[in-house]
């Protein structure tokens, strides 16, 4: 499902114009993205959480050259679904 599909579904189920729904969906995504970029988790009860996970520095190998490479530590966004959000 794409963002356009979400807009179409919400517009069809609520009767609101697609342009208004699209702006609300876009604003919601931007708000979630902005909060996660600041390091603040976003909790949506019954759906899940958008959080930041810290990945530690690690050593990897380049097998074609036979050398080791150090991958620096980094923070990555992640989604953790709630217990109520299960596929049956």
N, C-alpha and C. Protein backbone atom coordinates (compact mmCIF):
# COMPACT_ATOMS: atom_id res chain seq x y z
N UNK A 1 0.85 -1.17 0.00
CA UNK A 1 0.00 0.00 0.00
C UNK A 1 0.89 1.23 0.00
N UNK A 2 0.59 2.17 -0.86
CA UNK A 2 1.36 3.40 -0.97
C UNK A 2 0.64 4.53 -0.24
N UNK A 3 1.32 5.67 -0.16
CA UNK A 3 0.71 6.84 0.47
C UNK A 3 -0.55 7.25 -0.28
N UNK A 4 -0.54 7.16 -1.60
CA UNK A 4 -1.72 7.49 -2.40
C UNK A 4 -2.88 6.54 -2.09
N UNK A 5 -2.57 5.27 -1.88
CA UNK A 5 -3.61 4.30 -1.51
C UNK A 5 -4.22 4.64 -0.15
N UNK A 6 -3.38 5.06 0.79
CA UNK A 6 -3.88 5.46 2.10
C UNK A 6 -4.80 6.67 1.97
N UNK A 7 -4.39 7.65 1.18
CA UNK A 7 -5.21 8.85 0.96
C UNK A 7 -6.55 8.45 0.35
N UNK A 8 -6.53 7.58 -0.64
CA UNK A 8 -7.77 7.15 -1.28
C UNK A 8 -8.69 6.42 -0.31
N UNK A 9 -8.15 5.53 0.51
CA UNK A 9 -8.95 4.78 1.48
C UNK A 9 -9.58 5.70 2.52
N UNK A 10 -8.79 6.63 3.05
CA UNK A 10 -9.31 7.53 4.07
C UNK A 10 -10.36 8.47 3.47
N UNK A 11 -10.12 8.96 2.27
CA UNK A 11 -11.08 9.85 1.62
C UNK A 11 -12.39 9.11 1.34
N UNK A 12 -12.29 7.86 0.93
CA UNK A 12 -13.49 7.08 0.63
C UNK A 12 -14.28 6.76 1.90
N UNK A 13 -13.58 6.42 2.98
CA UNK A 13 -14.28 6.03 4.21
C UNK A 13 -14.83 7.21 5.01
N UNK A 14 -14.22 8.40 4.86
CA UNK A 14 -14.68 9.55 5.63
C UNK A 14 -15.51 10.54 4.83
N UNK A 15 -15.40 10.51 3.51
CA UNK A 15 -16.12 11.46 2.68
C UNK A 15 -15.44 12.81 2.56
N UNK A 16 -14.22 12.93 3.07
CA UNK A 16 -13.45 14.18 2.98
C UNK A 16 -12.70 14.19 1.65
N UNK A 17 -12.49 15.38 1.10
CA UNK A 17 -11.79 15.51 -0.19
C UNK A 17 -10.38 14.96 -0.11
N UNK A 18 -9.91 14.41 -1.22
CA UNK A 18 -8.58 13.81 -1.27
C UNK A 18 -7.48 14.83 -0.98
N UNK A 19 -7.66 16.06 -1.42
CA UNK A 19 -6.64 17.09 -1.20
C UNK A 19 -6.45 17.35 0.29
N UNK A 20 -7.55 17.42 1.03
CA UNK A 20 -7.47 17.65 2.48
C UNK A 20 -6.85 16.45 3.18
N UNK A 21 -7.25 15.26 2.77
CA UNK A 21 -6.70 14.04 3.38
C UNK A 21 -5.21 13.94 3.09
N UNK A 22 -4.81 14.26 1.87
CA UNK A 22 -3.40 14.19 1.50
C UNK A 22 -2.56 15.15 2.35
N UNK A 23 -3.07 16.34 2.61
CA UNK A 23 -2.31 17.29 3.42
C UNK A 23 -2.21 16.82 4.87
N UNK A 24 -3.26 16.19 5.39
CA UNK A 24 -3.23 15.67 6.76
C UNK A 24 -2.25 14.50 6.85
N UNK A 25 -2.28 13.60 5.88
CA UNK A 25 -1.36 12.46 5.88
C UNK A 25 0.08 12.95 5.80
N UNK A 26 0.33 13.91 4.92
CA UNK A 26 1.68 14.46 4.76
C UNK A 26 2.14 15.14 6.04
N UNK A 27 1.27 15.92 6.68
CA UNK A 27 1.62 16.60 7.94
C UNK A 27 1.90 15.59 9.05
N UNK A 28 1.13 14.50 9.08
CA UNK A 28 1.34 13.46 10.09
C UNK A 28 2.71 12.81 9.90
N UNK A 29 3.04 12.49 8.68
CA UNK A 29 4.33 11.86 8.39
C UNK A 29 5.47 12.81 8.76
N UNK A 30 5.34 14.08 8.42
CA UNK A 30 6.38 15.05 8.74
C UNK A 30 6.53 15.23 10.25
N UNK A 31 5.42 15.21 10.99
CA UNK A 31 5.49 15.33 12.45
C UNK A 31 6.21 14.13 13.06
N UNK A 32 5.90 12.93 12.58
CA UNK A 32 6.56 11.73 13.07
C UNK A 32 8.05 11.78 12.74
N UNK A 33 8.36 12.14 11.51
CA UNK A 33 9.75 12.21 11.06
C UNK A 33 10.54 13.24 11.87
N UNK A 34 9.93 14.42 12.11
CA UNK A 34 10.60 15.47 12.87
C UNK A 34 10.89 15.05 14.31
N UNK A 35 9.93 14.39 14.94
CA UNK A 35 10.13 13.93 16.31
C UNK A 35 11.22 12.88 16.40
N UNK A 36 11.22 11.93 15.48
CA UNK A 36 12.23 10.88 15.50
C UNK A 36 13.61 11.46 15.21
N UNK A 37 13.70 12.46 14.32
CA UNK A 37 14.99 13.09 14.04
C UNK A 37 15.54 13.80 15.27
N UNK A 38 14.66 14.33 16.12
CA UNK A 38 15.08 14.99 17.36
C UNK A 38 15.46 13.98 18.43
N UNK A 39 15.19 12.71 18.20
CA UNK A 39 15.48 11.67 19.18
C UNK A 39 14.32 11.36 20.10
N UNK A 40 13.15 11.92 19.81
CA UNK A 40 11.96 11.67 20.62
C UNK A 40 11.16 10.53 20.01
N UNK A 41 10.87 9.49 20.78
CA UNK A 41 10.05 8.40 20.23
C UNK A 41 8.60 8.83 20.04
N UNK A 42 7.92 8.22 19.08
CA UNK A 42 6.51 8.50 18.81
C UNK A 42 5.74 7.22 19.10
N UNK A 43 4.77 7.32 20.03
CA UNK A 43 3.97 6.16 20.43
C UNK A 43 2.56 6.33 19.90
N UNK A 44 2.09 5.38 19.11
CA UNK A 44 0.72 5.36 18.61
C UNK A 44 0.05 4.12 19.20
N UNK A 45 -0.76 4.35 20.22
CA UNK A 45 -1.39 3.24 20.96
C UNK A 45 -2.20 2.34 20.02
N UNK A 46 -1.98 1.05 20.12
CA UNK A 46 -2.67 0.08 19.30
C UNK A 46 -2.04 -0.12 17.92
N UNK A 47 -1.02 0.69 17.59
CA UNK A 47 -0.36 0.57 16.30
C UNK A 47 1.11 0.22 16.47
N UNK A 48 1.86 1.08 17.17
CA UNK A 48 3.27 0.81 17.38
C UNK A 48 4.04 2.05 17.75
N UNK A 49 5.36 1.92 17.78
CA UNK A 49 6.25 3.02 18.17
C UNK A 49 7.30 3.24 17.11
N UNK A 50 7.59 4.50 16.84
CA UNK A 50 8.71 4.88 15.99
C UNK A 50 9.81 5.33 16.93
N UNK A 51 10.93 4.62 16.92
CA UNK A 51 12.00 4.86 17.88
C UNK A 51 13.34 4.97 17.16
N UNK A 52 14.36 5.38 17.92
CA UNK A 52 15.73 5.43 17.41
C UNK A 52 16.50 4.29 18.07
N UNK A 53 17.16 3.48 17.27
CA UNK A 53 18.01 2.41 17.80
C UNK A 53 19.46 2.79 17.55
N UNK A 54 20.29 2.53 18.55
CA UNK A 54 21.72 2.83 18.43
C UNK A 54 22.45 1.57 17.99
N UNK A 55 23.20 1.69 16.93
CA UNK A 55 24.03 0.57 16.47
C UNK A 55 25.47 0.87 16.86
N UNK A 56 26.09 -0.05 17.54
CA UNK A 56 27.46 0.13 18.01
C UNK A 56 28.45 0.01 16.85
N UNK A 57 29.64 0.54 17.07
CA UNK A 57 30.70 0.42 16.07
C UNK A 57 31.05 -1.06 15.91
N UNK A 58 31.31 -1.47 14.67
CA UNK A 58 31.67 -2.87 14.46
C UNK A 58 32.72 -2.99 13.37
N UNK A 59 33.35 -4.13 13.36
CA UNK A 59 34.39 -4.41 12.37
C UNK A 59 33.82 -5.39 11.35
N UNK A 60 33.99 -5.05 10.08
CA UNK A 60 33.52 -5.92 9.00
C UNK A 60 34.70 -6.28 8.11
N UNK A 61 34.49 -7.27 7.27
CA UNK A 61 35.56 -7.69 6.37
C UNK A 61 35.16 -7.46 4.92
N UNK A 62 36.10 -6.96 4.15
CA UNK A 62 35.94 -6.86 2.71
C UNK A 62 36.60 -8.11 2.13
N UNK A 63 35.78 -9.07 1.72
CA UNK A 63 36.34 -10.37 1.32
C UNK A 63 37.05 -10.30 -0.03
N UNK A 64 36.70 -9.35 -0.87
CA UNK A 64 37.38 -9.28 -2.17
C UNK A 64 38.81 -8.78 -2.01
N UNK A 65 39.05 -7.86 -1.07
CA UNK A 65 40.39 -7.33 -0.85
C UNK A 65 41.08 -7.99 0.33
N UNK A 66 40.32 -8.69 1.17
CA UNK A 66 40.91 -9.35 2.33
C UNK A 66 41.28 -8.38 3.44
N UNK A 67 40.60 -7.26 3.53
CA UNK A 67 40.91 -6.26 4.56
C UNK A 67 39.74 -6.13 5.53
N UNK A 68 40.03 -5.51 6.67
CA UNK A 68 38.96 -5.24 7.63
C UNK A 68 38.59 -3.76 7.55
N UNK A 69 37.32 -3.49 7.77
CA UNK A 69 36.80 -2.13 7.71
C UNK A 69 36.03 -1.88 9.00
N UNK A 70 36.21 -0.69 9.56
CA UNK A 70 35.48 -0.32 10.76
C UNK A 70 34.24 0.47 10.35
N UNK A 71 33.08 -0.01 10.76
CA UNK A 71 31.82 0.69 10.50
C UNK A 71 31.50 1.50 11.75
N UNK A 72 31.38 2.83 11.61
CA UNK A 72 31.16 3.66 12.80
C UNK A 72 29.79 3.44 13.43
N UNK A 73 29.67 3.82 14.70
CA UNK A 73 28.40 3.74 15.41
C UNK A 73 27.42 4.71 14.77
N UNK A 74 26.15 4.34 14.77
CA UNK A 74 25.15 5.21 14.18
C UNK A 74 23.79 4.97 14.81
N UNK A 75 22.93 5.98 14.72
CA UNK A 75 21.56 5.86 15.18
C UNK A 75 20.67 5.68 13.96
N UNK A 76 19.76 4.71 14.03
CA UNK A 76 18.87 4.43 12.91
C UNK A 76 17.42 4.43 13.38
N UNK A 77 16.51 4.93 12.55
CA UNK A 77 15.09 4.88 12.93
C UNK A 77 14.57 3.45 12.82
N UNK A 78 13.61 3.12 13.68
CA UNK A 78 13.03 1.78 13.68
C UNK A 78 11.56 1.87 14.06
N UNK A 79 10.81 0.85 13.67
CA UNK A 79 9.39 0.75 14.02
C UNK A 79 9.19 -0.51 14.82
N UNK A 80 8.53 -0.39 15.95
CA UNK A 80 8.22 -1.54 16.78
C UNK A 80 6.70 -1.65 16.88
N UNK A 81 6.09 -2.67 16.27
CA UNK A 81 4.63 -2.80 16.33
C UNK A 81 4.14 -3.13 17.72
N UNK A 82 2.92 -2.71 18.03
CA UNK A 82 2.34 -3.01 19.34
C UNK A 82 1.86 -4.45 19.37
N UNK A 83 1.55 -4.94 20.55
CA UNK A 83 1.04 -6.29 20.70
C UNK A 83 -0.31 -6.45 20.02
N UNK A 84 -1.09 -5.37 19.99
CA UNK A 84 -2.41 -5.42 19.36
C UNK A 84 -2.31 -5.45 17.83
N UNK A 85 -1.15 -5.07 17.30
CA UNK A 85 -0.93 -5.01 15.85
C UNK A 85 -0.31 -6.31 15.40
N UNK A 86 -1.14 -7.35 15.28
CA UNK A 86 -0.66 -8.65 14.84
C UNK A 86 -1.42 -9.07 13.60
N UNK A 87 -0.77 -9.82 12.77
CA UNK A 87 -1.39 -10.32 11.54
C UNK A 87 -1.95 -11.70 11.86
N UNK A 88 -3.22 -11.85 11.60
CA UNK A 88 -3.89 -13.12 11.92
C UNK A 88 -4.10 -13.95 10.68
